[in-house]
């Protein structure tokens, strides 16, 4: 048995590399966890430090962060099964980026309110 046969299955020739999409998967997982982590830190900071809300309103604000997931999870699953996944993800990411841009505009302009933050 030669050394090339002992290494197991692999590309036939140097130019015949199989693309798995694993780097793209790792990037999207990292981006999701980065965005999720920032949201878990930034949102409470805005409610408690910037807006100086009390404990009750702080708890309600944290509860409101989970409300879209509860309300839209079935609709999202339905849409994911029946639409082009790539376009759905692009539209979702675009809307998310626009919401953060709008939040940044409110914070920079000094017009951030509790109701705006909840919406």
C-alpha atoms as a PDB file:
ATOM      1  CA  UNK A   1       0.000   0.000   0.000  1.00  0.00           C
ATOM      2  CA  UNK A   2       1.428   3.378  -0.954  1.00  0.00           C
ATOM      3  CA  UNK A   3       1.452   6.468   1.251  1.00  0.00           C
ATOM      4  CA  UNK A   4      -1.267   8.167  -0.831  1.00  0.00           C
ATOM      5  CA  UNK A   5      -3.583   5.176  -0.405  1.00  0.00           C
ATOM      6  CA  UNK A   6      -3.017   5.010   3.355  1.00  0.00           C
ATOM      7  CA  UNK A   7      -4.202   8.568   3.992  1.00  0.00           C
ATOM      8  CA  UNK A   8      -7.804   7.769   3.113  1.00  0.00           C
ATOM      9  CA  UNK A   9     -10.248   9.483   0.813  1.00  0.00           C
ATOM     10  CA  UNK A  10      -9.419  12.920  -0.425  1.00  0.00           C
ATOM     11  CA  UNK A  11      -9.218  15.065  -3.535  1.00  0.00           C
ATOM     12  CA  UNK A  12      -8.049  13.273  -6.628  1.00  0.00           C
ATOM     13  CA  UNK A  13      -5.785  16.098  -7.788  1.00  0.00           C
ATOM     14  CA  UNK A  14      -4.560  19.326  -6.156  1.00  0.00           C
ATOM     15  CA  UNK A  15      -7.205  21.402  -7.996  1.00  0.00           C
ATOM     16  CA  UNK A  16     -10.119  19.074  -7.122  1.00  0.00           C
ATOM     17  CA  UNK A  17     -10.822  20.359  -3.599  1.00  0.00           C
ATOM     18  CA  UNK A  18     -14.292  19.717  -2.245  1.00  0.00           C
ATOM     19  CA  UNK A  19     -16.024  22.826  -0.888  1.00  0.00           C
ATOM     20  CA  UNK A  20     -18.041  22.085   2.218  1.00  0.00           C
ATOM     21  CA  UNK A  21     -19.297  25.535   3.142  1.00  0.00           C
ATOM     22  CA  UNK A  22     -17.934  25.046   6.649  1.00  0.00           C
ATOM     23  CA  UNK A  23     -16.123  28.437   6.745  1.00  0.00           C
ATOM     24  CA  UNK A  24     -19.405  30.152   5.828  1.00  0.00           C
ATOM     25  CA  UNK A  25     -21.162  28.208   8.559  1.00  0.00           C
ATOM     26  CA  UNK A  26     -18.571  29.247  11.129  1.00  0.00           C
ATOM     27  CA  UNK A  27     -18.824  32.885  10.048  1.00  0.00           C
ATOM     28  CA  UNK A  28     -22.610  32.959  10.343  1.00  0.00           C
ATOM     29  CA  UNK A  29     -22.532  31.242  13.729  1.00  0.00           C
ATOM     30  CA  UNK A  30     -19.931  33.720  14.977  1.00  0.00           C
ATOM     31  CA  UNK A  31     -21.895  36.687  13.642  1.00  0.00           C
ATOM     32  CA  UNK A  32     -25.092  35.443  15.262  1.00  0.00           C
ATOM     33  CA  UNK A  33     -23.434  34.934  18.654  1.00  0.00           C
ATOM     34  CA  UNK A  34     -21.739  38.342  18.414  1.00  0.00           C
ATOM     35  CA  UNK A  35     -25.045  40.070  17.670  1.00  0.00           C
ATOM     36  CA  UNK A  36     -26.845  38.102  20.381  1.00  0.00           C
ATOM     37  CA  UNK A  37     -24.136  38.910  22.930  1.00  0.00           C
ATOM     38  CA  UNK A  38     -24.192  42.599  22.083  1.00  0.00           C
ATOM     39  CA  UNK A  39     -27.963  42.668  22.411  1.00  0.00           C
ATOM     40  CA  UNK A  40     -27.811  40.973  25.815  1.00  0.00           C
ATOM     41  CA  UNK A  41     -25.381  43.638  27.062  1.00  0.00           C
ATOM     42  CA  UNK A  42     -26.485  46.763  25.203  1.00  0.00           C
ATOM     43  CA  UNK A  43     -30.236  46.522  25.757  1.00  0.00           C
ATOM     44  CA  UNK A  44     -30.084  46.351  29.574  1.00  0.00           C
ATOM     45  CA  UNK A  45     -27.463  49.127  29.548  1.00  0.00           C
ATOM     46  CA  UNK A  46     -29.766  51.391  27.562  1.00  0.00           C
ATOM     47  CA  UNK A  47     -32.727  50.676  29.848  1.00  0.00           C
ATOM     48  CA  UNK A  48     -30.956  50.993  33.217  1.00  0.00           C
ATOM     49  CA  UNK A  49     -28.140  53.476  32.592  1.00  0.00           C
ATOM     50  CA  UNK A  50     -29.252  55.676  29.710  1.00  0.00           C
ATOM     51  CA  UNK A  51     -32.999  55.783  30.427  1.00  0.00           C
ATOM     52  CA  UNK A  52     -32.645  55.166  34.211  1.00  0.00           C
ATOM     53  CA  UNK A  53     -35.796  53.060  34.409  1.00  0.00           C
ATOM     54  CA  UNK A  54     -36.919  51.287  37.603  1.00  0.00           C
ATOM     55  CA  UNK A  55     -36.768  47.531  38.204  1.00  0.00           C
ATOM     56  CA  UNK A  56     -40.340  46.831  37.067  1.00  0.00           C
ATOM     57  CA  UNK A  57     -39.901  48.587  33.720  1.00  0.00           C
ATOM     58  CA  UNK A  58     -36.496  46.954  33.336  1.00  0.00           C
ATOM     59  CA  UNK A  59     -38.061  43.500  33.763  1.00  0.00           C
ATOM     60  CA  UNK A  60     -40.819  44.331  31.304  1.00  0.00           C
ATOM     61  CA  UNK A  61     -38.239  45.541  28.792  1.00  0.00           C
ATOM     62  CA  UNK A  62     -36.282  42.296  29.104  1.00  0.00           C
ATOM     63  CA  UNK A  63     -39.488  40.307  28.679  1.00  0.00           C
ATOM     64  CA  UNK A  64     -40.283  42.285  25.536  1.00  0.00           C
ATOM     65  CA  UNK A  65     -36.981  41.161  23.997  1.00  0.00           C
ATOM     66  CA  UNK A  66     -38.306  37.567  23.876  1.00  0.00           C
ATOM     67  CA  UNK A  67     -41.795  38.467  22.642  1.00  0.00           C
ATOM     68  CA  UNK A  68     -40.924  38.536  18.895  1.00  0.00           C
ATOM     69  CA  UNK A  69     -39.497  35.028  19.163  1.00  0.00           C
ATOM     70  CA  UNK A  70     -42.625  33.708  20.843  1.00  0.00           C
ATOM     71  CA  UNK A  71     -44.957  35.400  18.380  1.00  0.00           C
ATOM     72  CA  UNK A  72     -43.045  34.876  15.155  1.00  0.00           C
ATOM     73  CA  UNK A  73     -41.457  31.435  15.526  1.00  0.00           C
ATOM     74  CA  UNK A  74     -44.317  29.577  13.842  1.00  0.00           C
ATOM     75  CA  UNK A  75     -44.619  32.165  11.084  1.00  0.00           C
ATOM     76  CA  UNK A  76     -40.862  32.003  10.544  1.00  0.00           C
ATOM     77  CA  UNK A  77     -40.934  28.210  10.259  1.00  0.00           C
ATOM     78  CA  UNK A  78     -43.809  28.385   7.801  1.00  0.00           C
ATOM     79  CA  UNK A  79     -41.987  30.971   5.681  1.00  0.00           C
ATOM     80  CA  UNK A  80     -38.697  29.062   5.830  1.00  0.00           C
ATOM     81  CA  UNK A  81     -40.330  25.944   4.416  1.00  0.00           C
ATOM     82  CA  UNK A  82     -42.038  27.757   1.540  1.00  0.00           C
ATOM     83  CA  UNK A  83     -39.718  30.550   0.414  1.00  0.00           C
ATOM     84  CA  UNK A  84     -36.208  30.937  -0.911  1.00  0.00           C
ATOM     85  CA  UNK A  85     -34.022  30.624   2.183  1.00  0.00           C
ATOM     86  CA  UNK A  86     -31.270  32.887   0.906  1.00  0.00           C
ATOM     87  CA  UNK A  87     -33.674  35.768   0.200  1.00  0.00           C
ATOM     88  CA  UNK A  88     -35.426  35.282   3.541  1.00  0.00           C
ATOM     89  CA  UNK A  89     -32.136  35.470   5.445  1.00  0.00           C
ATOM     90  CA  UNK A  90     -31.008  38.521   3.480  1.00  0.00           C
ATOM     91  CA  UNK A  91     -34.311  40.304   4.134  1.00  0.00           C
ATOM     92  CA  UNK A  92     -34.188  39.443   7.844  1.00  0.00           C
ATOM     93  CA  UNK A  93     -30.603  40.624   8.226  1.00  0.00           C
ATOM     94  CA  UNK A  94     -31.383  43.813   6.313  1.00  0.00           C
ATOM     95  CA  UNK A  95     -34.378  44.600   8.530  1.00  0.00           C
ATOM     96  CA  UNK A  96     -32.313  43.880  11.621  1.00  0.00           C
ATOM     97  CA  UNK A  97     -29.548  46.205  10.448  1.00  0.00           C
ATOM     98  CA  UNK A  98     -32.096  48.938   9.726  1.00  0.00           C
ATOM     99  CA  UNK A  99     -33.575  48.597  13.213  1.00  0.00           C
ATOM    100  CA  UNK A 100     -30.135  48.976  14.802  1.00  0.00           C
ATOM    101  CA  UNK A 101     -29.389  51.945  12.567  1.00  0.00           C
ATOM    102  CA  UNK A 102     -32.649  53.559  13.665  1.00  0.00           C
ATOM    103  CA  UNK A 103     -31.821  52.863  17.308  1.00  0.00           C
ATOM    104  CA  UNK A 104     -28.428  54.485  16.820  1.00  0.00           C
ATOM    105  CA  UNK A 105     -30.062  57.561  15.301  1.00  0.00           C
ATOM    106  CA  UNK A 106     -32.418  57.857  18.289  1.00  0.00           C
ATOM    107  CA  UNK A 107     -29.560  57.480  20.780  1.00  0.00           C
ATOM    108  CA  UNK A 108     -27.306  59.954  18.955  1.00  0.00           C
ATOM    109  CA  UNK A 109     -30.120  62.491  18.660  1.00  0.00           C
ATOM    110  CA  UNK A 110     -31.074  62.160  22.327  1.00  0.00           C
ATOM    111  CA  UNK A 111     -34.644  61.117  21.462  1.00  0.00           C
ATOM    112  CA  UNK A 112     -34.521  57.603  22.888  1.00  0.00           C
ATOM    113  CA  UNK A 113     -37.577  56.796  25.012  1.00  0.00           C
ATOM    114  CA  UNK A 114     -38.717  53.653  26.775  1.00  0.00           C
ATOM    115  CA  UNK A 115     -41.487  53.064  24.211  1.00  0.00           C
ATOM    116  CA  UNK A 116     -39.072  53.518  21.316  1.00  0.00           C
ATOM    117  CA  UNK A 117     -36.677  51.027  22.823  1.00  0.00           C
ATOM    118  CA  UNK A 118     -39.437  48.456  23.329  1.00  0.00           C
ATOM    119  CA  UNK A 119     -40.603  48.828  19.734  1.00  0.00           C
END
